Amino acid sequence: MKVTCVTIDCHDPRRVAEFWNEALRYGGVAVSDDGHGAVCGPREGGAYLEFIKVPELKTAKNRLHFGCGADSLEELDVEVERLFALGATVAWEEDFPPEIAAHYRNIILRDVEGNEFCLGAGEMP
């Protein structure tokens, strides 16, 4: 068995697909003619993201979320600012003991519809 896609329920498939396409630097967005679905994925192919329109808005914390990474601690703040420009917001940052925080950070962000995802960087000692 292999993963072919991850499907995300959302209120506005185009908007959420465009966010994730830019956030992950994927190859583009395709939207269904009726606007009830959209997809984006890596330029080289492989598993893709599928966004399906549902009538209800998000009301609780995700039970599944993406774990993403920046290249380094120095790059983490740059990447967070890039994601802010796309519409992301901060949910919280994990609080680690000083000996870990000096080498690793993990920020939980929300996409344009409030879906949480992690952005970490550095090395766990």
PDB file of N, CA and C in Angstrom:
ATOM      1  N   MET A   1       0.846  -1.170   0.000  1.00  0.00           N
ATOM      2  CA  MET A   1       0.000   0.000   0.000  1.00  0.00           C
ATOM      3  C   MET A   1       0.895   1.238   0.000  1.00  0.00           C
ATOM      4  N   LYS A   2       0.441   2.297  -0.678  1.00  0.00           N
ATOM      5  CA  LYS A   2       1.159   3.569  -0.656  1.00  0.00           C
ATOM      6  C   LYS A   2       0.157   4.710  -0.610  1.00  0.00           C
ATOM      7  N   VAL A   3       0.587   5.833  -0.090  1.00  0.00           N
ATOM      8  CA  VAL A   3      -0.260   7.023  -0.049  1.00  0.00           C
ATOM      9  C   VAL A   3      -0.232   7.676  -1.425  1.00  0.00           C
ATOM     10  N   THR A   4      -1.403   7.933  -1.990  1.00  0.00           N
ATOM     11  CA  THR A   4      -1.474   8.617  -3.280  1.00  0.00           C
ATOM     12  C   THR A   4      -1.886  10.070  -3.116  1.00  0.00           C
ATOM     13  N   CYS A   5      -2.675  10.356  -2.060  1.00  0.00           N
ATOM     14  CA  CYS A   5      -3.059  11.733  -1.798  1.00  0.00           C
ATOM     15  C   CYS A   5      -3.511  11.880  -0.351  1.00  0.00           C
ATOM     16  N   VAL A   6      -3.559  13.113   0.087  1.00  0.00           N
ATOM     17  CA  VAL A   6      -4.164  13.459   1.369  1.00  0.00           C
ATOM     18  C   VAL A   6      -5.328  14.374   1.034  1.00  0.00           C
ATOM     19  N   THR A   7      -6.519  14.035   1.517  1.00  0.00           N
ATOM     20  CA  THR A   7      -7.710  14.819   1.230  1.00  0.00           C
ATOM     21  C   THR A   7      -8.035  15.701   2.429  1.00  0.00           C
ATOM     22  N   ILE A   8      -8.295  16.968   2.151  1.00  0.00           N
ATOM     23  CA  ILE A   8      -8.576  17.949   3.187  1.00  0.00           C
ATOM     24  C   ILE A   8      -9.948  18.549   2.932  1.00  0.00           C
ATOM     25  N   ASP A   9     -10.839  18.401   3.896  1.00  0.00           N
ATOM     26  CA  ASP A   9     -12.143  19.066   3.825  1.00  0.00           C
ATOM     27  C   ASP A   9     -11.925  20.547   4.079  1.00  0.00           C
ATOM     28  N   CYS A  10     -12.611  21.389   3.330  1.00  0.00           N
ATOM     29  CA  CYS A  10     -12.441  22.832   3.505  1.00  0.00           C
ATOM     30  C   CYS A  10     -13.669  23.566   2.976  1.00  0.00           C
ATOM     31  N   HIS A  11     -13.740  24.829   3.296  1.00  0.00           N
ATOM     32  CA  HIS A  11     -14.854  25.665   2.857  1.00  0.00           C
ATOM     33  C   HIS A  11     -14.597  26.239   1.463  1.00  0.00           C
ATOM     34  N   ASP A  12     -13.327  26.559   1.161  1.00  0.00           N
ATOM     35  CA  ASP A  12     -12.950  27.181  -0.115  1.00  0.00           C
ATOM     36  C   ASP A  12     -11.761  26.427  -0.716  1.00  0.00           C
ATOM     37  N   PRO A  13     -12.014  25.358  -1.492  1.00  0.00           N
ATOM     38  CA  PRO A  13     -10.937  24.530  -2.026  1.00  0.00           C
ATOM     39  C   PRO A  13      -9.861  25.304  -2.789  1.00  0.00           C
ATOM     40  N   ARG A  14     -10.255  26.245  -3.627  1.00  0.00           N
ATOM     41  CA  ARG A  14      -9.265  27.010  -4.397  1.00  0.00           C
ATOM     42  C   ARG A  14      -8.313  27.757  -3.460  1.00  0.00           C
ATOM     43  N   ARG A  15      -8.870  28.475  -2.501  1.00  0.00           N
ATOM     44  CA  ARG A  15      -8.061  29.293  -1.590  1.00  0.00           C
ATOM     45  C   ARG A  15      -7.085  28.433  -0.781  1.00  0.00           C
ATOM     46  N   VAL A  16      -7.574  27.322  -0.244  1.00  0.00           N
ATOM     47  CA  VAL A  16      -6.720  26.464   0.571  1.00  0.00           C
ATOM     48  C   VAL A  16      -5.674  25.773  -0.303  1.00  0.00           C
ATOM     49  N   ALA A  17      -6.058  25.322  -1.488  1.00  0.00           N
ATOM     50  CA  ALA A  17      -5.096  24.701  -2.412  1.00  0.00           C
ATOM     51  C   ALA A  17      -4.018  25.692  -2.824  1.00  0.00           C
ATOM     52  N   GLU A  18      -4.401  26.927  -3.091  1.00  0.00           N
ATOM     53  CA  GLU A  18      -3.406  27.939  -3.467  1.00  0.00           C
ATOM     54  C   GLU A  18      -2.443  28.213  -2.323  1.00  0.00           C
ATOM     55  N   PHE A  19      -2.939  28.250  -1.085  1.00  0.00           N
ATOM     56  CA  PHE A  19      -2.057  28.428   0.065  1.00  0.00           C
ATOM     57  C   PHE A  19      -1.026  27.303   0.116  1.00  0.00           C
ATOM     58  N   TRP A  20      -1.508  26.051   0.099  1.00  0.00           N
ATOM     59  CA  TRP A  20      -0.598  24.921   0.238  1.00  0.00           C
ATOM     60  C   TRP A  20       0.330  24.773  -0.962  1.00  0.00           C
ATOM     61  N   ASN A  21      -0.150  25.093  -2.144  1.00  0.00           N
ATOM     62  CA  ASN A  21       0.705  25.050  -3.322  1.00  0.00           C
ATOM     63  C   ASN A  21       1.903  25.985  -3.140  1.00  0.00           C
ATOM     64  N   GLU A  22       1.644  27.196  -2.667  1.00  0.00           N
ATOM     65  CA  GLU A  22       2.734  28.163  -2.451  1.00  0.00           C
ATOM     66  C   GLU A  22       3.567  27.788  -1.230  1.00  0.00           C
ATOM     67  N   ALA A  23       2.913  27.362  -0.157  1.00  0.00           N
ATOM     68  CA  ALA A  23       3.638  27.011   1.063  1.00  0.00           C
ATOM     69  C   ALA A  23       4.646  25.899   0.809  1.00  0.00           C
ATOM     70  N   LEU A  24       4.231  24.889   0.048  1.00  0.00           N
ATOM     71  CA  LEU A  24       5.090  23.735  -0.216  1.00  0.00           C
ATOM     72  C   LEU A  24       5.895  23.867  -1.512  1.00  0.00           C
ATOM     73  N   ARG A  25       5.704  25.000  -2.189  1.00  0.00           N
ATOM     74  CA  ARG A  25       6.403  25.255  -3.468  1.00  0.00           C
ATOM     75  C   ARG A  25       6.126  24.137  -4.477  1.00  0.00           C
ATOM     76  N   TYR A  26       4.835  23.787  -4.583  1.00  0.00           N
ATOM     77  CA  TYR A  26       4.401  22.762  -5.516  1.00  0.00           C
ATOM     78  C   TYR A  26       4.265  23.351  -6.920  1.00  0.00           C
ATOM     79  N   GLY A  27       3.741  22.544  -7.830  1.00  0.00           N
ATOM     80  CA  GLY A  27       3.740  22.893  -9.232  1.00  0.00           C
ATOM     81  C   GLY A  27       2.497  23.546  -9.792  1.00  0.00           C
ATOM     82  N   GLY A  28       1.513  23.867  -8.983  1.00  0.00           N
ATOM     83  CA  GLY A  28       0.310  24.515  -9.490  1.00  0.00           C
ATOM     84  C   GLY A  28      -0.946  23.907  -8.913  1.00  0.00           C
ATOM     85  N   VAL A  29      -2.048  24.589  -9.168  1.00  0.00           N
ATOM     86  CA  VAL A  29      -3.351  24.190  -8.639  1.00  0.00           C
ATOM     87  C   VAL A  29      -4.297  23.914  -9.793  1.00  0.00           C
ATOM     88  N   ALA A  30      -5.058  22.841  -9.683  1.00  0.00           N
ATOM     89  CA  ALA A  30      -6.147  22.562 -10.619  1.00  0.00           C
ATOM     90  C   ALA A  30      -7.442  22.573  -9.818  1.00  0.00           C
ATOM     91  N   VAL A  31      -8.433  23.312 -10.316  1.00  0.00           N
ATOM     92  CA  VAL A  31      -9.711  23.457  -9.628  1.00  0.00           C
ATOM     93  C   VAL A  31     -10.796  22.862 -10.507  1.00  0.00           C
ATOM     94  N   SER A  32     -11.721  22.106  -9.912  1.00  0.00           N
ATOM     95  CA  SER A  32     -12.825  21.536 -10.670  1.00  0.00           C
ATOM     96  C   SER A  32     -13.693  22.656 -11.243  1.00  0.00           C
ATOM     97  N   ASP A  33     -14.379  22.356 -12.334  1.00  0.00           N
ATOM     98  CA  ASP A  33     -15.227  23.351 -12.994  1.00  0.00           C
ATOM     99  C   ASP A  33     -16.287  23.935 -12.057  1.00  0.00           C
ATOM    100  N   ASP A  34     -16.805  23.118 -11.149  1.00  0.00           N
ATOM    101  CA  ASP A  34     -17.851  23.607 -10.244  1.00  0.00           C
ATOM    102  C   ASP A  34     -17.281  24.238  -8.967  1.00  0.00           C
ATOM    103  N   GLY A  35     -15.946  24.240  -8.810  1.00  0.00           N
ATOM    104  CA  GLY A  35     -15.311  24.848  -7.646  1.00  0.00           C
ATOM    105  C   GLY A  35     -15.406  24.037  -6.368  1.00  0.00           C
ATOM    106  N   HIS A  36     -15.909  22.812  -6.458  1.00  0.00           N
ATOM    107  CA  HIS A  36     -16.092  21.993  -5.256  1.00  0.00           C
ATOM    108  C   HIS A  36     -14.872  21.152  -4.913  1.00  0.00           C
ATOM    109  N   GLY A  37     -13.828  21.252  -5.701  1.00  0.00           N
ATOM    110  CA  GLY A  37     -12.614  20.498  -5.427  1.00  0.00           C
ATOM    111  C   GLY A  37     -11.419  21.138  -6.090  1.00  0.00           C
ATOM    112  N   ALA A  38     -10.241  20.868  -5.535  1.00  0.00           N
ATOM    113  CA  ALA A  38      -8.992  21.368  -6.099  1.00  0.00           C
ATOM    114  C   ALA A  38      -7.879  20.410  -5.695  1.00  0.00           C
ATOM    115  N   VAL A  39      -6.806  20.405  -6.466  1.00  0.00           N
ATOM    116  CA  VAL A  39      -5.634  19.595  -6.148  1.00  0.00           C
ATOM    117  C   VAL A  39      -4.364  20.409  -6.391  1.00  0.00           C
ATOM    118  N   CYS A  40      -3.310  20.028  -5.682  1.00  0.00           N
ATOM    119  CA  CYS A  40      -1.970  20.535  -5.955  1.00  0.00           C
ATOM    120  C   CYS A  40      -0.993  19.439  -5.568  1.00  0.00           C
ATOM    121  N   GLY A  41       0.170  19.463  -6.183  1.00  0.00           N
ATOM    122  CA  GLY A  41       1.163  18.434  -5.884  1.00  0.00           C
ATOM    123  C   GLY A  41       2.536  18.827  -6.375  1.00  0.00           C
ATOM    124  N   PRO A  42       3.515  18.008  -6.049  1.00  0.00           N
ATOM    125  CA  PRO A  42       4.885  18.291  -6.456  1.00  0.00           C
ATOM    126  C   PRO A  42       5.037  18.285  -7.976  1.00  0.00           C
ATOM    127  N   ARG A  43       5.929  19.125  -8.472  1.00  0.00           N
ATOM    128  CA  ARG A  43       6.189  19.195  -9.917  1.00  0.00           C
ATOM    129  C   ARG A  43       6.589  17.839 -10.484  1.00  0.00           C
ATOM    130  N   GLU A  44       7.352  17.080  -9.710  1.00  0.00           N
ATOM    131  CA  GLU A  44       7.856  15.788 -10.192  1.00  0.00           C
ATOM    132  C   GLU A  44       6.852  14.650 -10.045  1.00  0.00           C
ATOM    133  N   GLY A  45       5.647  14.959  -9.595  1.00  0.00           N
ATOM    134  CA  GLY A  45       4.622  13.937  -9.424  1.00  0.00           C
ATOM    135  C   GLY A  45       4.688  13.304  -8.044  1.00  0.00           C
ATOM    136  N   GLY A  46       3.906  12.289  -7.840  1.00  0.00           N
ATOM    137  CA  GLY A  46       3.858  11.614  -6.551  1.00  0.00           C
ATOM    138  C   GLY A  46       2.592  11.988  -5.797  1.00  0.00           C
ATOM    139  N   ALA A  47       2.607  11.741  -4.495  1.00  0.00           N
ATOM    140  CA  ALA A  47       1.438  12.021  -3.661  1.00  0.00           C
ATOM    141  C   ALA A  47       1.082  13.505  -3.751  1.00  0.00           C
ATOM    142  N   TYR A  48      -0.202  13.785  -3.793  1.00  0.00           N
ATOM    143  CA  TYR A  48      -0.685  15.154  -3.959  1.00  0.00           C
ATOM    144  C   TYR A  48      -1.703  15.472  -2.873  1.00  0.00           C
ATOM    145  N   LEU A  49      -2.093  16.724  -2.791  1.00  0.00           N
ATOM    146  CA  LEU A  49      -3.113  17.167  -1.849  1.00  0.00           C
ATOM    147  C   LEU A  49      -4.409  17.419  -2.607  1.00  0.00           C
ATOM    148  N   GLU A  50      -5.508  16.962  -2.044  1.00  0.00           N
ATOM    149  CA  GLU A  50      -6.837  17.131  -2.628  1.00  0.00           C
ATOM    150  C   GLU A  50      -7.690  17.904  -1.629  1.00  0.00           C
ATOM    151  N   PHE A  51      -8.406  18.905  -2.098  1.00  0.00           N
ATOM    152  CA  PHE A  51      -9.222  19.764  -1.250  1.00  0.00           C
ATOM    153  C   PHE A  51     -10.671  19.650  -1.706  1.00  0.00           C
ATOM    154  N   ILE A  52     -11.542  19.281  -0.775  1.00  0.00           N
ATOM    155  CA  ILE A  52     -12.947  19.040  -1.083  1.00  0.00           C
ATOM    156  C   ILE A  52     -13.809  20.017  -0.286  1.00  0.00           C
ATOM    157  N   LYS A  53     -14.761  20.652  -0.978  1.00  0.00           N
ATOM    158  CA  LYS A  53     -15.664  21.610  -0.339  1.00  0.00           C
ATOM    159  C   LYS A  53     -16.657  20.888   0.566  1.00  0.00           C
ATOM    160  N   VAL A  54     -16.750  21.394   1.797  1.00  0.00           N
ATOM    161  CA  VAL A  54     -17.758  20.919   2.746  1.00  0.00           C
ATOM    162  C   VAL A  54     -18.491  22.145   3.275  1.00  0.00           C
ATOM    163  N   PRO A  55     -19.735  21.996   3.715  1.00  0.00           N
ATOM    164  CA  PRO A  55     -20.503  23.170   4.136  1.00  0.00           C
ATOM    165  C   PRO A  55     -20.076  23.748   5.486  1.00  0.00           C
ATOM    166  N   GLU A  56     -19.575  22.894   6.376  1.00  0.00           N
ATOM    167  CA  GLU A  56     -19.236  23.373   7.708  1.00  0.00           C
ATOM    168  C   GLU A  56     -17.817  23.953   7.754  1.00  0.00           C
ATOM    169  N   LEU A  57     -17.598  24.884   8.687  1.00  0.00           N
ATOM    170  CA  LEU A  57     -16.279  25.454   8.923  1.00  0.00           C
ATOM    171  C   LEU A  57     -15.546  24.597   9.948  1.00  0.00           C
ATOM    172  N   LYS A  58     -14.237  24.742  10.017  1.00  0.00           N
ATOM    173  CA  LYS A  58     -13.432  24.033  11.006  1.00  0.00           C
ATOM    174  C   LYS A  58     -13.812  24.545  12.394  1.00  0.00           C
ATOM    175  N   THR A  59     -14.014  23.617  13.337  1.00  0.00           N
ATOM    176  CA  THR A  59     -14.435  24.026  14.679  1.00  0.00           C
ATOM    177  C   THR A  59     -13.557  23.471  15.793  1.00  0.00           C
ATOM    178  N   ALA A  60     -12.655  22.535  15.500  1.00  0.00           N
ATOM    179  CA  ALA A  60     -11.828  21.920  16.538  1.00  0.00           C
ATOM    180  C   ALA A  60     -10.410  21.697  16.020  1.00  0.00           C
ATOM    181  N   LYS A  61      -9.519  21.340  16.918  1.00  0.00           N
ATOM    182  CA  LYS A  61      -8.131  21.053  16.559  1.00  0.00           C
ATOM    183  C   LYS A  61      -8.088  19.852  15.610  1.00  0.00           C
ATOM    184  N   ASN A  62      -7.160  19.910  14.658  1.00  0.00           N
ATOM    185  CA  ASN A  62      -6.979  18.792  13.726  1.00  0.00           C
ATOM    186  C   ASN A  62      -6.570  17.527  14.477  1.00  0.00           C
ATOM    187  N   ARG A  63      -7.006  16.394  13.978  1.00  0.00           N
ATOM    188  CA  ARG A  63      -6.536  15.117  14.510  1.00  0.00           C
ATOM    189  C   ARG A  63      -5.350  14.619  13.699  1.00  0.00           C
ATOM    190  N   LEU A  64      -5.114  15.198  12.545  1.00  0.00           N
ATOM    191  CA  LEU A  64      -3.985  14.873  11.671  1.00  0.00           C
ATOM    192  C   LEU A  64      -3.464  16.194  11.144  1.00  0.00           C
ATOM    193  N   HIS A  65      -2.146  16.368  11.136  1.00  0.00           N
ATOM    194  CA  HIS A  65      -1.614  17.609  10.573  1.00  0.00           C
ATOM    195  C   HIS A  65      -0.261  17.352   9.924  1.00  0.00           C
ATOM    196  N   PHE A  66       0.147  18.290   9.083  1.00  0.00           N
ATOM    197  CA  PHE A  66       1.434  18.183   8.408  1.00  0.00           C
ATOM    198  C   PHE A  66       2.547  18.601   9.352  1.00  0.00           C
ATOM    199  N   GLY A  67       3.643  17.891   9.308  1.00  0.00           N
ATOM    200  CA  GLY A  67       4.859  18.273  10.003  1.00  0.00           C
ATOM    201  C   GLY A  67       5.851  18.725   8.945  1.00  0.00           C
ATOM    202  N   CYS A  68       6.161  20.007   8.926  1.00  0.00           N
ATOM    203  CA  CYS A  68       7.045  20.584   7.914  1.00  0.00           C
ATOM    204  C   CYS A  68       8.339  21.030   8.579  1.00  0.00           C
ATOM    205  N   GLY A  69       9.368  21.251   7.777  1.00  0.00           N
ATOM    206  CA  GLY A  69      10.647  21.658   8.338  1.00  0.00           C
ATOM    207  C   GLY A  69      11.306  22.753   7.533  1.00  0.00           C
ATOM    208  N   ALA A  70      11.985  23.646   8.249  1.00  0.00           N
ATOM    209  CA  ALA A  70      12.858  24.648   7.632  1.00  0.00           C
ATOM    210  C   ALA A  70      14.270  24.058   7.627  1.00  0.00           C
ATOM    211  N   ASP A  71      15.130  24.609   6.781  1.00  0.00           N
ATOM    212  CA  ASP A  71      16.471  24.059   6.645  1.00  0.00           C
ATOM    213  C   ASP A  71      17.328  24.246   7.899  1.00  0.00           C
ATOM    214  N   SER A  72      17.120  25.328   8.630  1.00  0.00           N
ATOM    215  CA  SER A  72      17.957  25.612   9.799  1.00  0.00           C
ATOM    216  C   SER A  72      17.191  26.526  10.752  1.00  0.00           C
ATOM    217  N   LEU A  73      17.722  26.692  11.959  1.00  0.00           N
ATOM    218  CA  LEU A  73      17.114  27.633  12.897  1.00  0.00           C
ATOM    219  C   LEU A  73      17.112  29.042  12.317  1.00  0.00           C
ATOM    220  N   GLU A  74      18.176  29.405  11.620  1.00  0.00           N
ATOM    221  CA  GLU A  74      18.259  30.738  11.009  1.00  0.00           C
ATOM    222  C   GLU A  74      17.179  30.918   9.948  1.00  0.00           C
ATOM    223  N   GLU A  75      16.863  29.865   9.228  1.00  0.00           N
ATOM    224  CA  GLU A  75      15.873  29.926   8.156  1.00  0.00           C
ATOM    225  C   GLU A  75      14.443  29.885   8.688  1.00  0.00           C
ATOM    226  N   LEU A  76      14.255  29.406   9.909  1.00  0.00           N
ATOM    227  CA  LEU A  76      12.913  29.237  10.460  1.00  0.00           C
ATOM    228  C   LEU A  76      12.121  30.541  10.468  1.00  0.00           C
ATOM    229  N   ASP A  77      12.707  31.614  10.983  1.00  0.00           N
ATOM    230  CA  ASP A  77      11.990  32.890  11.042  1.00  0.00           C
ATOM    231  C   ASP A  77      11.685  33.431   9.646  1.00  0.00           C
ATOM    232  N   VAL A  78      12.591  33.232   8.702  1.00  0.00           N
ATOM    233  CA  VAL A  78      12.367  33.659   7.317  1.00  0.00           C
ATOM    234  C   VAL A  78      11.189  32.891   6.733  1.00  0.00           C
ATOM    235  N   GLU A  79      11.151  31.597   6.988  1.00  0.00           N
ATOM    236  CA  GLU A  79      10.065  30.757   6.468  1.00  0.00           C
ATOM    237  C   GLU A  79       8.732  31.132   7.108  1.00  0.00           C
ATOM    238  N   VAL A  80       8.729  31.430   8.399  1.00  0.00           N
ATOM    239  CA  VAL A  80       7.500  31.846   9.070  1.00  0.00           C
ATOM    240  C   VAL A  80       6.984  33.142   8.445  1.00  0.00           C
ATOM    241  N   GLU A  81       7.854  34.093   8.184  1.00  0.00           N
ATOM    242  CA  GLU A  81       7.432  35.350   7.547  1.00  0.00           C
ATOM    243  C   GLU A  81       6.871  35.099   6.153  1.00  0.00           C
ATOM    244  N   ARG A  82       7.467  34.176   5.394  1.00  0.00           N
ATOM    245  CA  ARG A  82       6.949  33.828   4.064  1.00  0.00           C
ATOM    246  C   ARG A  82       5.551  33.247   4.186  1.00  0.00           C
ATOM    247  N   LEU A  83       5.341  32.379   5.163  1.00  0.00           N
ATOM    248  CA  LEU A  83       4.028  31.775   5.367  1.00  0.00           C
ATOM    249  C   LEU A  83       3.006  32.802   5.848  1.00  0.00           C
ATOM    250  N   PHE A  84       3.427  33.752   6.681  1.00  0.00           N
ATOM    251  CA  PHE A  84       2.527  34.851   7.077  1.00  0.00           C
ATOM    252  C   PHE A  84       2.033  35.602   5.852  1.00  0.00           C
ATOM    253  N   ALA A  85       2.932  35.872   4.916  1.00  0.00           N
ATOM    254  CA  ALA A  85       2.558  36.602   3.701  1.00  0.00           C
ATOM    255  C   ALA A  85       1.527  35.822   2.880  1.00  0.00           C
ATOM    256  N   LEU A  86       1.510  34.494   3.024  1.00  0.00           N
ATOM    257  CA  LEU A  86       0.534  33.654   2.318  1.00  0.00           C
ATOM    258  C   LEU A  86      -0.784  33.544   3.075  1.00  0.00           C
ATOM    259  N   GLY A  87      -0.816  34.020   4.328  1.00  0.00           N
ATOM    260  CA  GLY A  87      -2.041  33.978   5.110  1.00  0.00           C
ATOM    261  C   GLY A  87      -1.991  33.099   6.346  1.00  0.00           C
ATOM    262  N   ALA A  88      -0.854  32.480   6.633  1.00  0.00           N
ATOM    263  CA  ALA A  88      -0.732  31.648   7.834  1.00  0.00           C
ATOM    264  C   ALA A  88      -0.724  32.522   9.085  1.00  0.00           C
ATOM    265  N   THR A  89      -1.106  31.913  10.193  1.00  0.00           N
ATOM    266  CA  THR A  89      -1.033  32.565  11.498  1.00  0.00           C
ATOM    267  C   THR A  89      -0.411  31.586  12.492  1.00  0.00           C
ATOM    268  N   VAL A  90       0.112  32.118  13.587  1.00  0.00           N
ATOM    269  CA  VAL A  90       0.702  31.271  14.627  1.00  0.00           C
ATOM    270  C   VAL A  90      -0.386  30.795  15.575  1.00  0.00           C
ATOM    271  N   ALA A  91      -0.392  29.503  15.849  1.00  0.00           N
ATOM    272  CA  ALA A  91      -1.270  28.941  16.881  1.00  0.00           C
ATOM    273  C   ALA A  91      -0.524  28.975  18.219  1.00  0.00           C
ATOM    274  N   TRP A  92       0.683  28.422  18.255  1.00  0.00           N
ATOM    275  CA  TRP A  92       1.544  28.463  19.430  1.00  0.00           C
ATOM    276  C   TRP A  92       2.918  27.949  19.043  1.00  0.00           C
ATOM    277  N   GLU A  93       3.882  28.137  19.923  1.00  0.00           N
ATOM    278  CA  GLU A  93       5.217  27.564  19.749  1.00  0.00           C
ATOM    279  C   GLU A  93       5.468  26.629  20.914  1.00  0.00           C
ATOM    280  N   GLU A  94       6.021  25.457  20.611  1.00  0.00           N
ATOM    281  CA  GLU A  94       6.316  24.512  21.686  1.00  0.00           C
ATOM    282  C   GLU A  94       7.364  25.092  22.620  1.00  0.00           C
ATOM    283  N   ASP A  95       7.189  24.818  23.892  1.00  0.00           N
ATOM    284  CA  ASP A  95       8.089  25.313  24.924  1.00  0.00           C
ATOM    285  C   ASP A  95       9.002  24.163  25.353  1.00  0.00           C
ATOM    286  N   PHE A  96      10.283  24.260  24.963  1.00  0.00           N
ATOM    287  CA  PHE A  96      11.251  23.221  25.303  1.00  0.00           C
ATOM    288  C   PHE A  96      12.179  23.707  26.408  1.00  0.00           C
ATOM    289  N   PRO A  97      12.785  22.785  27.151  1.00  0.00           N
ATOM    290  CA  PRO A  97      13.812  23.182  28.109  1.00  0.00           C
ATOM    291  C   PRO A  97      14.956  23.898  27.371  1.00  0.00           C
ATOM    292  N   PRO A  98      15.661  24.802  28.051  1.00  0.00           N
ATOM    293  CA  PRO A  98      16.701  25.606  27.391  1.00  0.00           C
ATOM    294  C   PRO A  98      17.736  24.795  26.611  1.00  0.00           C
ATOM    295  N   GLU A  99      18.109  23.635  27.114  1.00  0.00           N
ATOM    296  CA  GLU A  99      19.135  22.833  26.424  1.00  0.00           C
ATOM    297  C   GLU A  99      18.631  22.288  25.086  1.00  0.00           C
ATOM    298  N   ILE A 100      17.321  22.142  24.935  1.00  0.00           N
ATOM    299  CA  ILE A 100      16.747  21.730  23.644  1.00  0.00           C
ATOM    300  C   ILE A 100      16.437  22.960  22.799  1.00  0.00           C
ATOM    301  N   ALA A 101      15.850  23.976  23.417  1.00  0.00           N
ATOM    302  CA  ALA A 101      15.459  25.194  22.691  1.00  0.00           C
ATOM    303  C   ALA A 101      16.648  25.879  22.017  1.00  0.00           C
ATOM    304  N   ALA A 102      17.838  25.694  22.536  1.00  0.00           N
ATOM    305  CA  ALA A 102      19.031  26.282  21.918  1.00  0.00           C
ATOM    306  C   ALA A 102      19.356  25.628  20.575  1.00  0.00           C
ATOM    307  N   HIS A 103      18.802  24.427  20.339  1.00  0.00           N
ATOM    308  CA  HIS A 103      19.128  23.668  19.128  1.00  0.00           C
ATOM    309  C   HIS A 103      17.927  23.322  18.257  1.00  0.00           C
ATOM    310  N   TYR A 104      16.714  23.463  18.798  1.00  0.00           N
ATOM    311  CA  TYR A 104      15.523  23.038  18.055  1.00  0.00           C
ATOM    312  C   TYR A 104      14.328  23.898  18.442  1.00  0.00           C
ATOM    313  N   ARG A 105      13.523  24.271  17.428  1.00  0.00           N
ATOM    314  CA  ARG A 105      12.257  24.987  17.656  1.00  0.00           C
ATOM    315  C   ARG A 105      11.172  24.327  16.818  1.00  0.00           C
ATOM    316  N   ASN A 106       9.947  24.383  17.328  1.00  0.00           N
ATOM    317  CA  ASN A 106       8.791  23.871  16.594  1.00  0.00           C
ATOM    318  C   ASN A 106       7.620  24.835  16.804  1.00  0.00           C
ATOM    319  N   ILE A 107       7.151  25.417  15.698  1.00  0.00           N
ATOM    320  CA  ILE A 107       6.061  26.377  15.736  1.00  0.00           C
ATOM    321  C   ILE A 107       4.835  25.736  15.096  1.00  0.00           C
ATOM    322  N   ILE A 108       3.698  25.839  15.770  1.00  0.00           N
ATOM    323  CA  ILE A 108       2.455  25.334  15.214  1.00  0.00           C
ATOM    324  C   ILE A 108       1.738  26.522  14.589  1.00  0.00           C
ATOM    325  N   LEU A 109       1.472  26.408  13.297  1.00  0.00           N
ATOM    326  CA  LEU A 109       0.837  27.464  12.519  1.00  0.00           C
ATOM    327  C   LEU A 109      -0.546  27.008  12.088  1.00  0.00           C
ATOM    328  N   ARG A 110      -1.321  27.960  11.554  1.00  0.00           N
ATOM    329  CA  ARG A 110      -2.625  27.646  10.958  1.00  0.00           C
ATOM    330  C   ARG A 110      -2.632  28.137   9.519  1.00  0.00           C
ATOM    331  N   ASP A 111      -3.228  27.339   8.629  1.00  0.00           N
ATOM    332  CA  ASP A 111      -3.364  27.775   7.242  1.00  0.00           C
ATOM    333  C   ASP A 111      -4.521  28.771   7.130  1.00  0.00           C
ATOM    334  N   VAL A 112      -4.920  29.111   5.915  1.00  0.00           N
ATOM    335  CA  VAL A 112      -5.928  30.150   5.685  1.00  0.00           C
ATOM    336  C   VAL A 112      -7.331  29.779   6.173  1.00  0.00           C
ATOM    337  N   GLU A 113      -7.566  28.514   6.496  1.00  0.00           N
ATOM    338  CA  GLU A 113      -8.853  28.111   7.077  1.00  0.00           C
ATOM    339  C   GLU A 113      -8.698  27.581   8.498  1.00  0.00           C
ATOM    340  N   GLY A 114      -7.534  27.788   9.087  1.00  0.00           N
ATOM    341  CA  GLY A 114      -7.339  27.421  10.482  1.00  0.00           C
ATOM    342  C   GLY A 114      -6.798  26.032  10.738  1.00  0.00           C
ATOM    343  N   ASN A 115      -6.434  25.290   9.695  1.00  0.00           N
ATOM    344  CA  ASN A 115      -5.877  23.951   9.874  1.00  0.00           C
ATOM    345  C   ASN A 115      -4.453  24.052  10.408  1.00  0.00           C
ATOM    346  N   GLU A 116      -4.171  23.384  11.532  1.00  0.00           N
ATOM    347  CA  GLU A 116      -2.866  23.443  12.141  1.00  0.00           C
ATOM    348  C   GLU A 116      -1.840  22.621  11.359  1.00  0.00           C
ATOM    349  N   PHE A 117      -0.601  23.110  11.383  1.00  0.00           N
ATOM    350  CA  PHE A 117       0.548  22.371  10.869  1.00  0.00           C
ATOM    351  C   PHE A 117       1.787  22.830  11.623  1.00  0.00           C
ATOM    352  N   CYS A 118       2.787  21.961  11.691  1.00  0.00           N
ATOM    353  CA  CYS A 118       4.015  22.270  12.416  1.00  0.00           C
ATOM    354  C   CYS A 118       5.097  22.711  11.453  1.00  0.00           C
ATOM    355  N   LEU A 119       5.935  23.619  11.942  1.00  0.00           N
ATOM    356  CA  LEU A 119       7.146  24.003  11.218  1.00  0.00           C
ATOM    357  C   LEU A 119       8.283  23.966  12.224  1.00  0.00           C
ATOM    358  N   GLY A 120       9.160  23.004  12.065  1.00  0.00           N
ATOM    359  CA  GLY A 120      10.275  22.836  12.971  1.00  0.00           C
ATOM    360  C   GLY A 120      11.596  23.082  12.264  1.00  0.00           C
ATOM    361  N   ALA A 121      12.643  23.288  13.073  1.00  0.00           N
ATOM    362  CA  ALA A 121      13.975  23.469  12.520  1.00  0.00           C
ATOM    363  C   ALA A 121      14.999  23.183  13.593  1.00  0.00           C
ATOM    364  N   GLY A 122      16.176  22.781  13.148  1.00  0.00           N
ATOM    365  CA  GLY A 122      17.269  22.493  14.046  1.00  0.00           C
ATOM    366  C   GLY A 122      17.398  21.008  14.292  1.00  0.00           C
ATOM    367  N   GLU A 123      18.167  20.673  15.309  1.00  0.00           N
ATOM    368  CA  GLU A 123      18.429  19.289  15.648  1.00  0.00           C
ATOM    369  C   GLU A 123      18.084  19.052  17.112  1.00  0.00           C
ATOM    370  N   MET A 124      17.361  17.982  17.375  1.00  0.00           N
ATOM    371  CA  MET A 124      17.109  17.586  18.756  1.00  0.00           C
ATOM    372  C   MET A 124      18.418  17.050  19.327  1.00  0.00           C
ATOM    373  N   PRO A 125      18.867  17.606  20.472  1.00  0.00           N
ATOM    374  CA  PRO A 125      20.131  17.097  21.046  1.00  0.00           C
ATOM    375  C   PRO A 125      19.964  15.696  21.607  1.00  0.00           C
TER     376      PRO A 125
END
